[in-house]
C-alpha atoms as a PDB file:
ATOM      1  CA  MET A   1     123.811 138.542 -15.696  1.00  0.00           C
ATOM      2  CA  ALA A   2     125.951 138.768 -18.755  1.00  0.00           C
ATOM      3  CA  THR A   3     125.079 141.526 -21.209  1.00  0.00           C
ATOM      4  CA  LYS A   4     126.392 142.621 -24.561  1.00  0.00           C
ATOM      5  CA  LYS A   5     128.963 145.395 -24.138  1.00  0.00           C
ATOM      6  CA  THR A   6     128.355 148.742 -25.984  1.00  0.00           C
ATOM      7  CA  THR A   7     130.937 149.985 -28.394  1.00  0.00           C
ATOM      8  CA  VAL A   8     131.518 153.392 -29.889  1.00  0.00           C
ATOM      9  CA  LEU A   9     129.779 152.210 -33.030  1.00  0.00           C
ATOM     10  CA  SER A  10     126.711 150.938 -31.170  1.00  0.00           C
ATOM     11  CA  LEU A  11     126.304 153.974 -28.869  1.00  0.00           C
ATOM     12  CA  PRO A  12     123.101 155.971 -29.810  1.00  0.00           C
ATOM     13  CA  GLU A  13     123.783 158.883 -32.077  1.00  0.00           C
ATOM     14  CA  GLU A  14     120.996 161.165 -30.652  1.00  0.00           C
ATOM     15  CA  GLU A  15     122.374 163.835 -28.357  1.00  0.00           C
ATOM     16  CA  LEU A  16     120.262 164.939 -25.376  1.00  0.00           C
ATOM     17  CA  VAL A  17     122.571 167.654 -24.308  1.00  0.00           C
ATOM     18  CA  TYR A  18     123.061 170.748 -26.431  1.00  0.00           C
ATOM     19  CA  PRO A  19     126.648 171.573 -27.412  1.00  0.00           C
ATOM     20  CA  GLY A  20     126.827 174.825 -25.399  1.00  0.00           C
ATOM     21  CA  ASN A  21     126.850 174.852 -21.668  1.00  0.00           C
ATOM     22  CA  ARG A  22     128.428 176.589 -18.674  1.00  0.00           C
ATOM     23  CA  ALA A  23     130.764 173.744 -17.563  1.00  0.00           C
ATOM     24  CA  CYS A  24     134.470 174.445 -16.940  1.00  0.00           C
ATOM     25  CA  ALA A  25     137.013 173.416 -19.578  1.00  0.00           C
ATOM     26  CA  GLY A  26     137.776 169.739 -19.266  1.00  0.00           C
ATOM     27  CA  CYS A  27     134.899 169.016 -16.971  1.00  0.00           C
ATOM     28  CA  GLY A  28     134.481 165.254 -16.286  1.00  0.00           C
ATOM     29  CA  LEU A  29     130.836 165.783 -15.565  1.00  0.00           C
ATOM     30  CA  SER A  30     130.191 166.855 -19.194  1.00  0.00           C
ATOM     31  CA  ILE A  31     131.351 163.412 -20.325  1.00  0.00           C
ATOM     32  CA  VAL A  32     129.309 161.591 -17.695  1.00  0.00           C
ATOM     33  CA  TYR A  33     126.174 163.600 -18.365  1.00  0.00           C
ATOM     34  CA  ARG A  34     126.259 163.354 -22.130  1.00  0.00           C
ATOM     35  CA  ILE A  35     126.667 159.542 -21.985  1.00  0.00           C
ATOM     36  CA  GLY A  36     124.345 159.094 -19.114  1.00  0.00           C
ATOM     37  CA  LEU A  37     121.462 160.833 -20.885  1.00  0.00           C
ATOM     38  CA  LYS A  38     122.030 158.649 -23.988  1.00  0.00           C
ATOM     39  CA  ALA A  39     121.458 155.594 -21.723  1.00  0.00           C
ATOM     40  CA  LEU A  40     118.468 157.033 -19.856  1.00  0.00           C
ATOM     41  CA  GLY A  41     116.656 158.151 -23.024  1.00  0.00           C
ATOM     42  CA  ARG A  42     113.977 160.748 -23.631  1.00  0.00           C
ATOM     43  CA  GLU A  43     111.394 159.145 -21.422  1.00  0.00           C
ATOM     44  CA  THR A  44     113.118 160.373 -18.284  1.00  0.00           C
ATOM     45  CA  ILE A  45     112.574 163.029 -15.678  1.00  0.00           C
ATOM     46  CA  LEU A  46     115.683 164.348 -13.879  1.00  0.00           C
ATOM     47  CA  VAL A  47     115.857 165.525 -10.249  1.00  0.00           C
ATOM     48  CA  VAL A  48     118.995 167.588  -9.427  1.00  0.00           C
ATOM     49  CA  PRO A  49     120.058 169.440  -6.306  1.00  0.00           C
ATOM     50  CA  PRO A  50     122.362 172.533  -6.167  1.00  0.00           C
ATOM     51  CA  SER A  51     125.689 171.320  -7.741  1.00  0.00           C
ATOM     52  CA  CYS A  52     127.966 171.770 -10.716  1.00  0.00           C
ATOM     53  CA  LEU A  53     125.230 170.053 -12.742  1.00  0.00           C
ATOM     54  CA  THR A  54     122.798 172.939 -12.179  1.00  0.00           C
ATOM     55  CA  VAL A  55     125.563 175.198 -13.602  1.00  0.00           C
ATOM     56  CA  LEU A  56     126.161 172.920 -16.548  1.00  0.00           C
ATOM     57  CA  GLN A  57     122.436 172.659 -17.309  1.00  0.00           C
ATOM     58  CA  GLY A  58     121.688 176.345 -16.719  1.00  0.00           C
ATOM     59  CA  LEU A  59     118.730 177.654 -14.837  1.00  0.00           C
ATOM     60  CA  TYR A  60     115.384 178.764 -16.378  1.00  0.00           C
ATOM     61  CA  PRO A  61     114.952 180.096 -18.964  1.00  0.00           C
ATOM     62  CA  ILE A  62     118.320 178.658 -20.166  1.00  0.00           C
ATOM     63  CA  ALA A  63     118.942 174.873 -20.339  1.00  0.00           C
ATOM     64  CA  SER A  64     121.569 172.716 -21.997  1.00  0.00           C
ATOM     65  CA  THR A  65     119.586 169.600 -21.639  1.00  0.00           C
ATOM     66  CA  GLN A  66     116.493 168.349 -23.689  1.00  0.00           C
ATOM     67  CA  LEU A  67     114.972 166.443 -20.746  1.00  0.00           C
ATOM     68  CA  PRO A  68     112.574 167.814 -18.071  1.00  0.00           C
ATOM     69  CA  CYS A  69     114.472 168.540 -14.926  1.00  0.00           C
ATOM     70  CA  LEU A  70     113.278 169.394 -11.389  1.00  0.00           C
ATOM     71  CA  ASN A  71     115.828 171.514  -9.466  1.00  0.00           C
ATOM     72  CA  VAL A  72     115.426 170.866  -5.725  1.00  0.00           C
ATOM     73  CA  THR A  73     117.019 171.696  -2.403  1.00  0.00           C
ATOM     74  CA  PHE A  74     120.411 170.196  -1.454  1.00  0.00           C
ATOM     75  CA  ALA A  75     119.023 167.743   1.158  1.00  0.00           C
ATOM     76  CA  SER A  76     115.902 166.620  -0.702  1.00  0.00           C
ATOM     77  CA  THR A  77     117.038 164.921  -3.995  1.00  0.00           C
ATOM     78  CA  ALA A  78     115.864 161.354  -3.236  1.00  0.00           C
ATOM     79  CA  ALA A  79     112.714 162.539  -1.405  1.00  0.00           C
ATOM     80  CA  ALA A  80     111.816 164.859  -4.360  1.00  0.00           C
ATOM     81  CA  ALA A  81     112.379 161.896  -6.801  1.00  0.00           C
ATOM     82  CA  THR A  82     109.987 159.918  -4.511  1.00  0.00           C
ATOM     83  CA  GLY A  83     107.384 162.625  -4.979  1.00  0.00           C
ATOM     84  CA  VAL A  84     107.818 162.608  -8.781  1.00  0.00           C
ATOM     85  CA  LEU A  85     107.347 158.802  -8.783  1.00  0.00           C
ATOM     86  CA  ALA A  86     104.164 159.169  -6.743  1.00  0.00           C
ATOM     87  CA  ALA A  87     102.755 161.783  -9.187  1.00  0.00           C
ATOM     88  CA  LEU A  88     103.599 159.522 -12.142  1.00  0.00           C
ATOM     89  CA  ARG A  89     101.884 156.604 -10.550  1.00  0.00           C
ATOM     90  CA  ALA A  90      98.800 158.740  -9.842  1.00  0.00           C
ATOM     91  CA  GLY A  91      98.748 159.803 -13.561  1.00  0.00           C
ATOM     92  CA  LYS A  92      99.499 156.178 -14.653  1.00  0.00           C
ATOM     93  CA  LYS A  93     102.602 157.419 -16.558  1.00  0.00           C
ATOM     94  CA  ASN A  94     105.530 154.988 -17.181  1.00  0.00           C
ATOM     95  CA  ILE A  95     108.460 157.412 -17.163  1.00  0.00           C
ATOM     96  CA  GLN A  96     111.893 156.759 -15.706  1.00  0.00           C
ATOM     97  CA  VAL A  97     113.008 159.004 -12.850  1.00  0.00           C
ATOM     98  CA  ALA A  98     116.772 159.621 -12.368  1.00  0.00           C
ATOM     99  CA  ALA A  99     118.154 161.600  -9.432  1.00  0.00           C
ATOM    100  CA  TRP A 100     121.544 163.071 -10.244  1.00  0.00           C
ATOM    101  CA  ALA A 101     123.639 164.719  -7.526  1.00  0.00           C
ATOM    102  CA  GLY A 102     127.233 165.534  -6.669  1.00  0.00           C
ATOM    103  CA  ASP A 103     129.169 163.989  -3.804  1.00  0.00           C
ATOM    104  CA  GLY A 104     128.138 166.656  -1.360  1.00  0.00           C
ATOM    105  CA  GLY A 105     124.466 166.234  -2.137  1.00  0.00           C
ATOM    106  CA  THR A 106     124.855 162.485  -1.905  1.00  0.00           C
ATOM    107  CA  SER A 107     127.382 161.547   0.727  1.00  0.00           C
ATOM    108  CA  ASP A 108     126.714 164.386   3.116  1.00  0.00           C
ATOM    109  CA  ILE A 109     123.709 166.702   2.857  1.00  0.00           C
ATOM    110  CA  GLY A 110     121.477 164.338   0.894  1.00  0.00           C
ATOM    111  CA  ILE A 111     122.320 160.941   2.467  1.00  0.00           C
ATOM    112  CA  GLN A 112     119.327 160.903   4.838  1.00  0.00           C
ATOM    113  CA  ALA A 113     116.845 161.268   1.956  1.00  0.00           C
ATOM    114  CA  LEU A 114     118.747 158.658  -0.053  1.00  0.00           C
ATOM    115  CA  SER A 115     118.848 156.170   2.738  1.00  0.00           C
ATOM    116  CA  GLY A 116     115.159 156.546   3.411  1.00  0.00           C
ATOM    117  CA  ALA A 117     114.308 156.067  -0.302  1.00  0.00           C
ATOM    118  CA  CYS A 118     116.415 152.918  -0.409  1.00  0.00           C
ATOM    119  CA  GLU A 119     114.786 151.605   2.773  1.00  0.00           C
ATOM    120  CA  ARG A 120     111.356 152.189   1.216  1.00  0.00           C
ATOM    121  CA  GLY A 121     112.312 150.571  -2.050  1.00  0.00           C
ATOM    122  CA  GLU A 122     111.527 153.519  -4.332  1.00  0.00           C
ATOM    123  CA  ASP A 123     111.890 152.652  -8.043  1.00  0.00           C
ATOM    124  CA  PHE A 124     114.388 155.223  -9.362  1.00  0.00           C
ATOM    125  CA  ILE A 125     117.996 155.486 -10.361  1.00  0.00           C
ATOM    126  CA  PHE A 126     120.350 157.675  -8.279  1.00  0.00           C
ATOM    127  CA  ILE A 127     123.562 158.745  -9.936  1.00  0.00           C
ATOM    128  CA  CYS A 128     126.239 160.391  -7.893  1.00  0.00           C
ATOM    129  CA  TYR A 129     129.001 162.132  -9.825  1.00  0.00           C
ATOM    130  CA  ASP A 130     131.927 162.176  -7.363  1.00  0.00           C
ATOM    131  CA  ASN A 131     134.418 164.983  -8.011  1.00  0.00           C
ATOM    132  CA  GLU A 132     135.532 164.618  -4.335  1.00  0.00           C
ATOM    133  CA  ALA A 133     134.675 168.074  -2.970  1.00  0.00           C
ATOM    134  CA  TYR A 134     132.064 170.789  -3.114  1.00  0.00           C
ATOM    135  CA  MET A 135     133.441 172.200  -6.368  1.00  0.00           C
ATOM    136  CA  ASN A 136     130.516 174.478  -7.255  1.00  0.00           C
ATOM    137  CA  THR A 137     130.903 176.572  -4.079  1.00  0.00           C
ATOM    138  CA  GLY A 138     134.613 176.826  -3.770  1.00  0.00           C
ATOM    139  CA  ILE A 139     136.380 173.398  -3.525  1.00  0.00           C
ATOM    140  CA  GLN A 140     135.421 172.702   0.034  1.00  0.00           C
ATOM    141  CA  ARG A 141     136.096 169.218   1.439  1.00  0.00           C
ATOM    142  CA  SER A 142     133.290 166.640   1.393  1.00  0.00           C
ATOM    143  CA  GLY A 143     132.709 163.228   2.929  1.00  0.00           C
ATOM    144  CA  THR A 144     134.224 161.646  -0.244  1.00  0.00           C
ATOM    145  CA  THR A 145     137.336 163.913  -0.402  1.00  0.00           C
ATOM    146  CA  PRO A 146     140.307 161.468  -0.103  1.00  0.00           C
ATOM    147  CA  GLN A 147     142.574 161.545   2.944  1.00  0.00           C
ATOM    148  CA  HIS A 148     145.515 163.928   2.782  1.00  0.00           C
ATOM    149  CA  VAL A 149     143.898 166.107   0.004  1.00  0.00           C
ATOM    150  CA  LEU A 150     144.116 169.831   0.243  1.00  0.00           C
ATOM    151  CA  THR A 151     140.890 171.857  -0.217  1.00  0.00           C
ATOM    152  CA  THR A 152     139.906 175.373   0.744  1.00  0.00           C
ATOM    153  CA  THR A 153     138.544 174.066   4.094  1.00  0.00           C
ATOM    154  CA  THR A 154     141.220 171.574   5.153  1.00  0.00           C
ATOM    155  CA  PRO A 155     144.292 172.061   7.315  1.00  0.00           C
ATOM    156  CA  VAL A 156     147.659 172.669   5.556  1.00  0.00           C
ATOM    157  CA  SER A 157     148.389 169.003   6.097  1.00  0.00           C
ATOM    158  CA  GLY A 158     145.270 168.041   4.093  1.00  0.00           C
ATOM    159  CA  LYS A 159     142.159 166.253   5.047  1.00  0.00           C
ATOM    160  CA  HIS A 160     142.613 163.926   8.125  1.00  0.00           C
ATOM    161  CA  GLN A 161     139.746 161.543   7.535  1.00  0.00           C
ATOM    162  CA  SER A 162     139.468 158.711   4.966  1.00  0.00           C
ATOM    163  CA  LYS A 163     137.141 158.927   1.982  1.00  0.00           C
ATOM    164  CA  LYS A 164     133.594 157.841   2.793  1.00  0.00           C
ATOM    165  CA  ASP A 165     132.633 154.634   0.979  1.00  0.00           C
ATOM    166  CA  VAL A 166     129.157 155.620  -0.185  1.00  0.00           C
ATOM    167  CA  PRO A 167     128.508 152.645  -2.560  1.00  0.00           C
ATOM    168  CA  ALA A 168     129.098 150.270   0.436  1.00  0.00           C
ATOM    169  CA  ILE A 169     126.759 152.330   2.648  1.00  0.00           C
ATOM    170  CA  ILE A 170     124.047 152.109   0.000  1.00  0.00           C
ATOM    171  CA  ALA A 171     124.743 148.450  -0.659  1.00  0.00           C
ATOM    172  CA  ALA A 172     124.189 147.794   3.097  1.00  0.00           C
ATOM    173  CA  HIS A 173     120.484 148.730   2.472  1.00  0.00           C
ATOM    174  CA  GLY A 174     120.099 145.474   0.501  1.00  0.00           C
ATOM    175  CA  ILE A 175     119.087 147.116  -2.755  1.00  0.00           C
ATOM    176  CA  ASP A 176     119.397 144.952  -5.931  1.00  0.00           C
ATOM    177  CA  TYR A 177     121.881 147.138  -7.889  1.00  0.00           C
ATOM    178  CA  VAL A 178     124.824 149.195  -6.846  1.00  0.00           C
ATOM    179  CA  ALA A 179     127.595 150.054  -9.279  1.00  0.00           C
ATOM    180  CA  THR A 180     130.645 152.192  -9.674  1.00  0.00           C
ATOM    181  CA  ALA A 181     131.798 153.903 -12.851  1.00  0.00           C
ATOM    182  CA  SER A 182     134.240 156.490 -14.191  1.00  0.00           C
ATOM    183  CA  ALA A 183     134.098 159.403 -16.584  1.00  0.00           C
ATOM    184  CA  ALA A 184     137.230 158.001 -18.128  1.00  0.00           C
ATOM    185  CA  TYR A 185     135.305 154.780 -19.099  1.00  0.00           C
ATOM    186  CA  PRO A 186     132.108 156.180 -20.527  1.00  0.00           C
ATOM    187  CA  LEU A 187     130.952 153.017 -22.278  1.00  0.00           C
ATOM    188  CA  ASP A 188     131.167 151.047 -18.932  1.00  0.00           C
ATOM    189  CA  PHE A 189     129.069 153.757 -17.411  1.00  0.00           C
ATOM    190  CA  TYR A 190     126.507 153.591 -20.279  1.00  0.00           C
ATOM    191  CA  ASP A 191     126.027 149.870 -19.907  1.00  0.00           C
ATOM    192  CA  LYS A 192     125.522 150.158 -16.108  1.00  0.00           C
ATOM    193  CA  VAL A 193     122.838 152.802 -16.471  1.00  0.00           C
ATOM    194  CA  CYS A 194     121.163 150.628 -19.205  1.00  0.00           C
ATOM    195  CA  LYS A 195     121.191 147.693 -16.794  1.00  0.00           C
ATOM    196  CA  ALA A 196     119.861 149.797 -13.912  1.00  0.00           C
ATOM    197  CA  LYS A 197     116.818 150.731 -16.096  1.00  0.00           C
ATOM    198  CA  THR A 198     115.815 146.978 -16.246  1.00  0.00           C
ATOM    199  CA  ILE A 199     115.857 146.472 -12.509  1.00  0.00           C
ATOM    200  CA  SER A 200     112.959 147.409 -10.278  1.00  0.00           C
ATOM    201  CA  GLY A 201     113.454 149.361  -7.021  1.00  0.00           C
ATOM    202  CA  PRO A 202     116.223 151.794  -6.116  1.00  0.00           C
ATOM    203  CA  LYS A 203     119.463 151.642  -8.123  1.00  0.00           C
ATOM    204  CA  TYR A 204     122.653 153.454  -7.185  1.00  0.00           C
ATOM    205  CA  ILE A 205     125.642 154.281  -9.486  1.00  0.00           C
ATOM    206  CA  HIS A 206     128.732 156.185  -8.098  1.00  0.00           C
ATOM    207  CA  VAL A 207     130.721 157.839 -10.868  1.00  0.00           C
ATOM    208  CA  HIS A 208     134.379 158.987 -10.234  1.00  0.00           C
ATOM    209  CA  THR A 209     134.504 162.400 -11.963  1.00  0.00           C
ATOM    210  CA  PRO A 210     137.800 164.223 -12.374  1.00  0.00           C
ATOM    211  CA  CYS A 211     137.792 167.993 -11.934  1.00  0.00           C
ATOM    212  CA  PRO A 212     140.668 169.966 -13.398  1.00  0.00           C
ATOM    213  CA  ALA A 213     139.928 173.215 -11.457  1.00  0.00           C
ATOM    214  CA  GLY A 214     139.401 171.432  -8.137  1.00  0.00           C
ATOM    215  CA  TRP A 215     142.136 168.781  -8.382  1.00  0.00           C
ATOM    216  CA  GLY A 216     144.770 170.929  -9.926  1.00  0.00           C
ATOM    217  CA  PHE A 217     145.652 169.499 -13.372  1.00  0.00           C
ATOM    218  CA  SER A 218     145.498 170.709 -16.963  1.00  0.00           C
ATOM    219  CA  ALA A 219     142.040 170.452 -18.513  1.00  0.00           C
ATOM    220  CA  ARG A 220     143.398 168.205 -21.253  1.00  0.00           C
ATOM    221  CA  TYR A 221     144.219 165.502 -18.778  1.00  0.00           C
ATOM    222  CA  THR A 222     140.728 164.688 -17.421  1.00  0.00           C
ATOM    223  CA  VAL A 223     140.484 161.197 -19.039  1.00  0.00           C
ATOM    224  CA  LYS A 224     144.077 160.494 -18.172  1.00  0.00           C
ATOM    225  CA  MET A 225     143.485 161.292 -14.443  1.00  0.00           C
ATOM    226  CA  GLY A 226     140.345 159.147 -14.398  1.00  0.00           C
ATOM    227  CA  ARG A 227     142.211 156.210 -16.035  1.00  0.00           C
ATOM    228  CA  LEU A 228     145.061 156.528 -13.577  1.00  0.00           C
ATOM    229  CA  ALA A 229     142.732 156.233 -10.616  1.00  0.00           C
ATOM    230  CA  VAL A 230     141.562 152.890 -12.012  1.00  0.00           C
ATOM    231  CA  GLU A 231     144.942 151.626 -13.338  1.00  0.00           C
ATOM    232  CA  THR A 232     146.551 152.194  -9.847  1.00  0.00           C
ATOM    233  CA  GLY A 233     143.652 150.349  -8.128  1.00  0.00           C
ATOM    234  CA  LEU A 234     142.618 153.374  -6.117  1.00  0.00           C
ATOM    235  CA  PHE A 235     139.157 153.495  -7.683  1.00  0.00           C
ATOM    236  CA  ASP A 236     137.538 150.249  -8.608  1.00  0.00           C
ATOM    237  CA  LEU A 237     134.892 149.606 -11.270  1.00  0.00           C
ATOM    238  CA  TYR A 238     132.360 147.079 -10.091  1.00  0.00           C
ATOM    239  CA  GLU A 239     128.754 145.928  -9.864  1.00  0.00           C
ATOM    240  CA  ARG A 240     126.894 144.557  -6.890  1.00  0.00           C
ATOM    241  CA  GLU A 241     123.838 142.849  -8.492  1.00  0.00           C
ATOM    242  CA  MET A 242     121.300 140.969  -6.396  1.00  0.00           C
ATOM    243  CA  GLY A 243     124.030 140.803  -3.710  1.00  0.00           C
ATOM    244  CA  GLU A 244     126.691 139.376  -6.028  1.00  0.00           C
ATOM    245  CA  PHE A 245     129.867 141.450  -6.268  1.00  0.00           C
ATOM    246  CA  ARG A 246     132.159 141.498  -9.391  1.00  0.00           C
ATOM    247  CA  LEU A 247     134.737 143.780 -10.723  1.00  0.00           C
ATOM    248  CA  THR A 248     134.033 145.131 -14.257  1.00  0.00           C
ATOM    249  CA  GLY A 249     135.751 146.477 -17.283  1.00  0.00           C
ATOM    250  CA  ALA A 250     139.238 147.843 -16.744  1.00  0.00           C
ATOM    251  CA  SER A 251     139.260 146.809 -13.121  1.00  0.00           C
ATOM    252  CA  GLN A 252     138.398 143.219 -13.870  1.00  0.00           C
ATOM    253  CA  LYS A 253     141.262 143.106 -16.368  1.00  0.00           C
ATOM    254  CA  LEU A 254     143.742 144.125 -13.636  1.00  0.00           C
ATOM    255  CA  LEU A 255     143.173 140.891 -11.693  1.00  0.00           C
ATOM    256  CA  GLY A 256     146.563 139.093 -11.621  1.00  0.00           C
ATOM    257  CA  LYS A 257     148.254 141.936 -13.416  1.00  0.00           C
ATOM    258  CA  LYS A 258     150.738 144.465 -12.147  1.00  0.00           C
ATOM    259  CA  ARG A 259     149.038 147.824 -11.335  1.00  0.00           C
ATOM    260  CA  ARG A 260     150.619 151.218 -11.738  1.00  0.00           C
ATOM    261  CA  PRO A 261     152.013 152.714  -8.472  1.00  0.00           C
ATOM    262  CA  VAL A 262     149.612 155.131  -6.747  1.00  0.00           C
ATOM    263  CA  THR A 263     152.199 157.906  -6.933  1.00  0.00           C
ATOM    264  CA  ASP A 264     151.583 158.004 -10.728  1.00  0.00           C
ATOM    265  CA  TYR A 265     148.119 159.311  -9.872  1.00  0.00           C
ATOM    266  CA  PHE A 266     149.200 161.650  -7.063  1.00  0.00           C
ATOM    267  CA  GLU A 267     152.004 163.445  -8.911  1.00  0.00           C
ATOM    268  CA  GLY A 268     149.835 165.032 -11.574  1.00  0.00           C
ATOM    269  CA  GLN A 269     147.462 166.800  -9.129  1.00  0.00           C
ATOM    270  CA  ALA A 270     148.105 169.902  -7.024  1.00  0.00           C
ATOM    271  CA  ARG A 271     145.661 168.824  -4.365  1.00  0.00           C
ATOM    272  CA  PHE A 272     148.119 166.087  -3.289  1.00  0.00           C
ATOM    273  CA  ARG A 273     151.090 168.438  -2.957  1.00  0.00           C
ATOM    274  CA  GLY A 274     151.158 167.993   0.841  1.00  0.00           C
ATOM    275  CA  LEU A 275     151.292 164.256   0.627  1.00  0.00           C
ATOM    276  CA  SER A 276     154.425 162.822   2.293  1.00  0.00           C
ATOM    277  CA  SER A 277     156.333 159.786   0.972  1.00  0.00           C
ATOM    278  CA  GLN A 278     155.364 157.865   4.146  1.00  0.00           C
ATOM    279  CA  GLN A 279     151.638 158.648   3.518  1.00  0.00           C
ATOM    280  CA  ALA A 280     151.919 157.557  -0.131  1.00  0.00           C
ATOM    281  CA  ARG A 281     153.496 154.275   0.938  1.00  0.00           C
ATOM    282  CA  GLN A 282     150.710 153.647   3.425  1.00  0.00           C
ATOM    283  CA  ILE A 283     148.187 154.205   0.655  1.00  0.00           C
ATOM    284  CA  GLN A 284     149.980 151.848  -1.639  1.00  0.00           C
ATOM    285  CA  GLU A 285     149.989 149.221   1.082  1.00  0.00           C
ATOM    286  CA  ASP A 286     146.171 149.693   1.654  1.00  0.00           C
ATOM    287  CA  VAL A 287     145.602 149.340  -2.088  1.00  0.00           C
ATOM    288  CA  ASP A 288     147.701 146.259  -2.345  1.00  0.00           C
ATOM    289  CA  ARG A 289     145.880 144.639   0.498  1.00  0.00           C
ATOM    290  CA  LYS A 290     142.493 145.392  -1.071  1.00  0.00           C
ATOM    291  CA  TRP A 291     143.558 143.889  -4.379  1.00  0.00           C
ATOM    292  CA  SER A 292     145.001 140.826  -2.709  1.00  0.00           C
ATOM    293  CA  ALA A 293     141.584 140.126  -1.354  1.00  0.00           C
ATOM    294  CA  TYR A 294     140.001 140.684  -4.759  1.00  0.00           C
ATOM    295  CA  GLU A 295     142.544 138.165  -6.337  1.00  0.00           C
ATOM    296  CA  LYS A 296     141.904 135.621  -3.628  1.00  0.00           C
ATOM    297  CA  ALA A 297     138.202 135.841  -4.070  1.00  0.00           C
ATOM    298  CA  ASP A 298     138.674 135.442  -7.829  1.00  0.00           C
ATOM    299  CA  GLN A 299     140.781 132.325  -7.422  1.00  0.00           C
ATOM    300  CA  ASP A 300     138.356 130.838  -4.934  1.00  0.00           C
ATOM    301  CA  ALA A 301     135.561 131.305  -7.475  1.00  0.00           C
ATOM    302  CA  CYS A 302     137.443 129.513 -10.279  1.00  0.00           C
END
């Protein structure tokens, strides 16, 4: 379904996040949250588990957001959102519900509640901001931490396991809208949240969210790191709408083009300091193979 793309000039001017908050300098979540709330609008109730977002928002009686927010336990985000929906239906209120969790509260601790809500067809938007570790509690590895990355709970050789593909797991539930986005491409994220609002049932958006403190780069390079993840083909921007897959935005423009080498992304982050040249070559081969499949599918569709 083609839609008009948002530009900087057409982005709503109203801010639903106050200028002061407790986020770290250069926090990618600050970008994602500000833009995401513009897309969701005032008629929204947020459901948030323990995460960097609870720090950014602040706890009662302090808040940086102007929207009502229910802070819940780590494992219960999607279940609590289901309860909010039930209460709104009982009160005959037409208000959007958005669950907003980190990668730990989505891919690991909260995945059972999210899977159940998707299976039941609950009508809410679930947004996962993926900074690829449990940043709020000390940079521990999560299911979405990439392979070979160093965290405070990985061996000196880095994480042994591959990054968990959460969007694919959620798509396997057969829901009508799954998308990926990046803090470095906020207008693409804005449009995907707006589209999700028009679709009934569960919607899932997975947002790649650079973290200067956890990844080991200067706070001024947050957008640069997010863009490098996309420009190298390591993180793909796409939509899976009504079962139809398509690359979007900057990723779609890479089809048939030369991508930057993955080492451009790795070299700027301390968390990859244990990565060997052989491991980097293997990752490059995996990315090239993935993109060859994308390009073949694109040619077949023409």
